């Protein structure tokens, strides 16, 4: 078993739980391959798996965790409430269905996947997540793709602050104002599409920094996220890339290198704007 899992830092959440800072995202991994690929990730040393109801692969994730032989408390599992299950009762029932597919008694983190402001049900959905936590169906609750105004609204309505906000974040979309708003509220920032869906891998600045360290561009960008204290969940369906993404704890980027990477921001999204989706 790879010992890199012991080197992945765990970040404290505001509710007293902790989360491995580096994990594996499984978006677009088909159900038929999920058990195999997640199982390989666990063998490599990953201890944080990020899935969602919309991904259609929760069964495979759960199977991999059971087959791994690892104690349940050693593997952090996130899933997310799908967009057609907004509403208090629907969000709770959706998590109950996820737990059946995962064959788990609880998940570690349950997120609202998208706020969908045009439907205007994310406050009552958040109330459902609060109930789910109170019932022990999930250890922690949070949101995904929430802008600052969405956060302010659910907190004002319920008094409950999300533990995590998972947002698109990479060197071309640094979201500085939103990151700062999350920090002020004590919300951990989690980066999805941390490599901009691979679009940044040919960036000359990143290639220069990677060459200086004898690393890949992907490793440099993951290291940038880690040093900014983001939670980061790169996705890969190849074992060698999973291993490379995990091998980022034996080098460090300098202050000027961090500044150069952050200066690449273009406010460019690879996914939709949460206000319009």
Protein backbone atom coordinates (compact mmCIF):
# COMPACT_ATOMS: atom_id res chain seq x y z
CA UNK A 1 0.00 0.00 0.00
CA UNK A 2 1.33 3.40 -0.98
CA UNK A 3 2.27 5.44 2.07
CA UNK A 4 1.43 8.74 0.34
CA UNK A 5 -2.02 8.58 1.98
CA UNK A 6 -0.30 9.24 5.29
CA UNK A 7 1.23 12.40 3.84
CA UNK A 8 -1.99 14.01 2.59
CA UNK A 9 -2.88 16.77 5.06
CA UNK A 10 -6.30 16.82 6.64
CA UNK A 11 -7.98 20.20 6.89
CA UNK A 12 -10.29 21.09 9.75
CA UNK A 13 -13.94 21.79 8.96
CA UNK A 14 -15.98 24.24 10.98
CA UNK A 15 -18.17 21.45 12.38
CA UNK A 16 -15.22 19.64 14.01
CA UNK A 17 -14.64 17.06 11.26
CA UNK A 18 -11.54 16.89 9.07
CA UNK A 19 -11.17 16.25 5.33
CA UNK A 20 -8.19 14.95 3.32
CA UNK A 21 -6.95 17.91 1.32
CA UNK A 22 -6.31 15.88 -1.84
CA UNK A 23 -8.84 13.45 -3.25
CA UNK A 24 -10.11 11.79 -6.42
CA UNK A 25 -13.00 13.18 -8.42
CA UNK A 26 -15.05 10.60 -10.32
CA UNK A 27 -17.09 12.78 -12.67
CA UNK A 28 -17.49 11.07 -16.09
CA UNK A 29 -16.19 7.75 -14.76
CA UNK A 30 -18.78 5.22 -15.94
CA UNK A 31 -20.51 2.96 -13.46
CA UNK A 32 -19.00 -0.08 -15.14
CA UNK A 33 -15.46 1.08 -14.36
CA UNK A 34 -16.00 2.97 -11.10
CA UNK A 35 -15.28 0.05 -8.76
CA UNK A 36 -12.05 -0.80 -10.60
CA UNK A 37 -10.74 2.76 -10.82
CA UNK A 38 -11.70 3.82 -7.31
CA UNK A 39 -10.25 0.57 -6.01
CA UNK A 40 -6.97 1.39 -7.76
CA UNK A 41 -7.01 4.88 -6.27
CA UNK A 42 -7.47 3.46 -2.79
CA UNK A 43 -4.56 1.07 -3.38
CA UNK A 44 -2.40 4.00 -4.45
CA UNK A 45 -3.21 5.81 -1.22
CA UNK A 46 -6.21 8.05 -1.92
CA UNK A 47 -8.52 8.38 1.05
CA UNK A 48 -10.99 10.95 -0.29
CA UNK A 49 -13.46 10.10 -3.08
CA UNK A 50 -15.82 12.71 -4.52
CA UNK A 51 -18.92 11.42 -6.29
CA UNK A 52 -22.44 12.74 -6.91
CA UNK A 53 -25.92 11.46 -7.60
CA UNK A 54 -25.74 13.00 -11.09
CA UNK A 55 -22.57 11.02 -11.90
CA UNK A 56 -24.40 7.69 -11.85
CA UNK A 57 -21.48 5.80 -10.30
CA UNK A 58 -22.23 5.68 -6.58
CA UNK A 59 -22.68 1.90 -6.65
CA UNK A 60 -19.17 1.41 -7.98
CA UNK A 61 -17.68 3.80 -5.44
CA UNK A 62 -19.32 1.93 -2.59
CA UNK A 63 -18.22 -1.41 -3.98
CA UNK A 64 -14.61 -0.22 -4.17
CA UNK A 65 -14.67 0.97 -0.55
CA UNK A 66 -16.04 -2.36 0.65
CA UNK A 67 -13.57 -4.39 -1.41
CA UNK A 68 -10.62 -2.31 -0.22
CA UNK A 69 -10.73 -3.77 3.28
CA UNK A 70 -10.00 -0.31 4.67
CA UNK A 71 -11.77 0.76 7.86
CA UNK A 72 -14.76 2.90 6.95
CA UNK A 73 -13.45 5.87 8.94
CA UNK A 74 -10.29 5.95 6.80
CA UNK A 75 -12.13 6.77 3.56
CA UNK A 76 -13.84 10.15 3.16
CA UNK A 77 -16.85 9.93 0.82
CA UNK A 78 -18.63 12.95 -0.64
CA UNK A 79 -21.83 12.85 -2.66
CA UNK A 80 -24.08 15.63 -3.92
CA UNK A 81 -27.82 16.30 -4.15
CA UNK A 82 -28.86 16.21 -7.80
CA UNK A 83 -30.59 19.17 -9.40
CA UNK A 84 -33.99 17.50 -9.76
CA UNK A 85 -34.10 16.64 -6.03
CA UNK A 86 -34.25 20.16 -4.63
CA UNK A 87 -36.61 20.73 -1.72
CA UNK A 88 -36.42 19.77 1.95
CA UNK A 89 -37.92 16.30 1.82
CA UNK A 90 -36.58 15.49 -1.65
CA UNK A 91 -32.99 16.26 -0.60
CA UNK A 92 -33.22 13.93 2.41
CA UNK A 93 -34.79 11.15 0.37
CA UNK A 94 -32.13 11.60 -2.33
CA UNK A 95 -29.40 11.03 0.26
CA UNK A 96 -31.21 7.97 1.60
CA UNK A 97 -31.21 6.59 -1.97
CA UNK A 98 -27.50 7.42 -2.33
CA UNK A 99 -26.74 5.49 0.85
CA UNK A 100 -28.59 2.48 -0.55
CA UNK A 101 -26.54 2.63 -3.75
CA UNK A 102 -23.28 3.14 -1.84
CA UNK A 103 -24.32 0.51 0.74
CA UNK A 104 -23.13 2.81 3.50
CA UNK A 105 -24.77 3.96 6.72
CA UNK A 106 -23.64 7.54 6.12
CA UNK A 107 -21.45 9.70 3.91
CA UNK A 108 -18.84 12.08 5.21
CA UNK A 109 -20.01 15.11 3.23
CA UNK A 110 -23.28 15.87 1.44
CA UNK A 111 -23.42 18.89 -0.86
CA UNK A 112 -26.09 20.77 -2.79
CA UNK A 113 -24.65 20.28 -6.28
CA UNK A 114 -25.90 23.55 -7.86
CA UNK A 115 -27.97 26.39 -6.35
CA UNK A 116 -30.24 26.76 -9.40
CA UNK A 117 -31.39 30.28 -8.45
CA UNK A 118 -33.99 30.30 -11.22
CA UNK A 119 -35.84 27.53 -9.37
CA UNK A 120 -35.29 29.29 -6.03
CA UNK A 121 -35.43 26.19 -3.84
CA UNK A 122 -31.89 26.06 -2.51
CA UNK A 123 -32.82 27.44 0.93
CA UNK A 124 -35.33 24.66 1.59
CA UNK A 125 -32.87 22.17 0.11
CA UNK A 126 -30.30 23.41 2.61
CA UNK A 127 -32.85 22.83 5.38
CA UNK A 128 -33.08 19.24 4.14
CA UNK A 129 -29.32 18.83 4.41
CA UNK A 130 -29.44 20.14 7.97
CA UNK A 131 -32.02 17.48 8.80
CA UNK A 132 -29.88 14.81 7.14
CA UNK A 133 -26.93 15.77 9.32
CA UNK A 134 -29.09 15.76 12.44
CA UNK A 135 -30.26 12.24 11.57
CA UNK A 136 -26.68 11.01 11.13
CA UNK A 137 -27.02 10.34 7.40
CA UNK A 138 -23.96 12.53 6.78
CA UNK A 139 -21.15 13.76 9.01
CA UNK A 140 -20.87 17.18 7.35
CA UNK A 141 -22.91 19.28 4.94
CA UNK A 142 -21.93 21.87 2.39
CA UNK A 143 -22.64 23.34 -1.00
CA UNK A 144 -21.19 23.37 -4.49
CA UNK A 145 -21.11 26.22 -7.00
CA UNK A 146 -22.54 28.77 -4.57
CA UNK A 147 -21.75 32.44 -5.07
CA UNK A 148 -21.42 34.72 -2.05
CA UNK A 149 -25.05 35.89 -2.32
CA UNK A 150 -26.28 32.28 -2.27
CA UNK A 151 -24.18 31.60 0.83
CA UNK A 152 -25.45 34.68 2.62
CA UNK A 153 -29.04 33.72 1.93
CA UNK A 154 -28.91 30.16 3.30
CA UNK A 155 -26.94 31.27 6.36
CA UNK A 156 -29.37 34.12 7.07
CA UNK A 157 -32.34 31.76 6.69
CA UNK A 158 -31.02 28.91 8.85
CA UNK A 159 -28.08 30.12 10.92
CA UNK A 160 -26.09 27.12 9.63
CA UNK A 161 -22.84 27.74 7.76
CA UNK A 162 -21.73 25.18 5.15
CA UNK A 163 -18.56 23.30 5.98
CA UNK A 164 -17.39 23.30 2.33
CA UNK A 165 -18.10 25.18 -0.88
CA UNK A 166 -16.93 23.23 -3.90
CA UNK A 167 -16.36 25.61 -6.81
CA UNK A 168 -14.66 25.66 -10.19
CA UNK A 169 -11.18 26.96 -9.42
CA UNK A 170 -7.90 26.81 -11.33
CA UNK A 171 -5.16 29.23 -12.46
CA UNK A 172 -7.41 30.65 -15.19
CA UNK A 173 -10.31 31.12 -12.72
CA UNK A 174 -8.93 32.01 -9.30
CA UNK A 175 -12.23 33.45 -7.94
CA UNK A 176 -10.34 35.59 -5.40
CA UNK A 177 -13.38 37.48 -4.09
CA UNK A 178 -15.43 34.31 -3.63
CA UNK A 179 -12.53 32.52 -1.94
CA UNK A 180 -12.16 35.47 0.45
CA UNK A 181 -15.89 35.43 1.22
CA UNK A 182 -15.72 31.73 2.05
CA UNK A 183 -12.69 32.26 4.27
CA UNK A 184 -14.45 35.02 6.21
CA UNK A 185 -17.33 32.63 6.90
CA UNK A 186 -15.05 29.74 7.92
CA UNK A 187 -16.01 27.68 4.86
CA UNK A 188 -13.36 25.46 3.31
CA UNK A 189 -12.89 25.98 -0.43
CA UNK A 190 -12.77 22.88 -2.62
CA UNK A 191 -11.61 23.09 -6.24
CA UNK A 192 -13.36 21.19 -8.99
CA UNK A 193 -11.87 21.17 -12.49
CA UNK A 194 -8.57 22.08 -10.78
CA UNK A 195 -6.67 21.60 -14.05
CA UNK A 196 -9.25 23.52 -16.14
CA UNK A 197 -10.29 20.27 -17.84
CA UNK A 198 -6.71 19.93 -19.08
CA UNK A 199 -6.81 23.23 -21.00
CA UNK A 200 -3.99 24.79 -18.98
CA UNK A 201 -1.51 21.97 -19.47
CA UNK A 202 0.15 23.74 -22.42
CA UNK A 203 0.44 27.11 -20.66
CA UNK A 204 4.00 28.40 -21.12
CA UNK A 205 4.31 29.88 -17.63
CA UNK A 206 3.22 26.63 -16.05
CA UNK A 207 5.49 24.61 -18.30
CA UNK A 208 8.46 26.78 -17.32
CA UNK A 209 7.77 26.33 -13.59
CA UNK A 210 7.22 22.61 -14.04
CA UNK A 211 10.51 22.25 -15.90
CA UNK A 212 12.35 24.08 -13.12
CA UNK A 213 11.08 21.49 -10.61
CA UNK A 214 11.35 18.45 -12.87
CA UNK A 215 7.59 17.96 -12.55
CA UNK A 216 4.55 17.82 -14.78
CA UNK A 217 2.32 20.85 -15.22
CA UNK A 218 -0.51 18.96 -13.53
CA UNK A 219 1.66 18.34 -10.46
CA UNK A 220 2.63 22.01 -10.28
CA UNK A 221 -1.00 23.14 -10.48
CA UNK A 222 -2.12 20.64 -7.83
CA UNK A 223 0.73 21.87 -5.63
CA UNK A 224 -0.46 25.47 -6.20
CA UNK A 225 -3.92 24.51 -4.95
CA UNK A 226 -2.48 22.76 -1.90
CA UNK A 227 -0.28 25.69 -0.92
CA UNK A 228 -3.31 28.00 -1.20
CA UNK A 229 -5.03 25.63 1.28
CA UNK A 230 -7.70 24.58 -1.19
CA UNK A 231 -9.13 21.09 -1.06
CA UNK A 232 -8.44 19.66 -4.52
CA UNK A 233 -10.01 16.70 -6.34
CA UNK A 234 -8.31 16.07 -9.70
CA UNK A 235 -10.03 13.48 -11.90
CA UNK A 236 -8.29 10.74 -13.83
CA UNK A 237 -9.23 7.36 -15.24
CA UNK A 238 -5.59 6.27 -15.60
CA UNK A 239 -3.66 4.71 -12.73
CA UNK A 240 -0.37 6.33 -13.68
CA UNK A 241 -1.92 9.79 -13.62
CA UNK A 242 -3.67 9.09 -10.33
CA UNK A 243 -0.29 8.15 -8.88
CA UNK A 244 1.38 11.25 -10.33
CA UNK A 245 -1.37 13.52 -8.97
CA UNK A 246 -0.75 12.09 -5.52
CA UNK A 247 3.04 12.52 -5.70
CA UNK A 248 3.10 16.23 -4.91
CA UNK A 249 4.23 16.34 -1.30
CA UNK A 250 7.99 16.25 -1.81
CA UNK A 251 8.46 19.66 -3.44
CA UNK A 252 7.30 23.22 -2.81
CA UNK A 253 6.61 26.22 -5.02
CA UNK A 254 8.32 29.49 -4.16
CA UNK A 255 6.47 32.72 -3.36
CA UNK A 256 7.23 34.21 -6.79
CA UNK A 257 6.15 31.02 -8.55
CA UNK A 258 2.87 31.06 -6.65
CA UNK A 259 2.36 34.70 -7.64
CA UNK A 260 3.08 33.96 -11.32
CA UNK A 261 0.56 31.12 -11.35
CA UNK A 262 -2.16 33.17 -9.67
CA UNK A 263 -1.50 36.01 -12.14
CA UNK A 264 -2.67 33.71 -14.97
CA UNK A 265 -6.30 34.37 -13.97
CA UNK A 266 -8.57 35.13 -16.96
CA UNK A 267 -11.93 34.66 -15.20
CA UNK A 268 -12.38 31.82 -17.68
CA UNK A 269 -14.78 29.01 -16.82
CA UNK A 270 -14.79 25.51 -18.24
CA UNK A 271 -18.27 24.95 -16.80
CA UNK A 272 -21.42 27.07 -16.46
CA UNK A 273 -21.89 30.14 -14.28
CA UNK A 274 -23.96 29.10 -11.23
CA UNK A 275 -26.20 32.17 -11.63
CA UNK A 276 -27.37 30.91 -15.02
CA UNK A 277 -27.26 27.12 -14.66
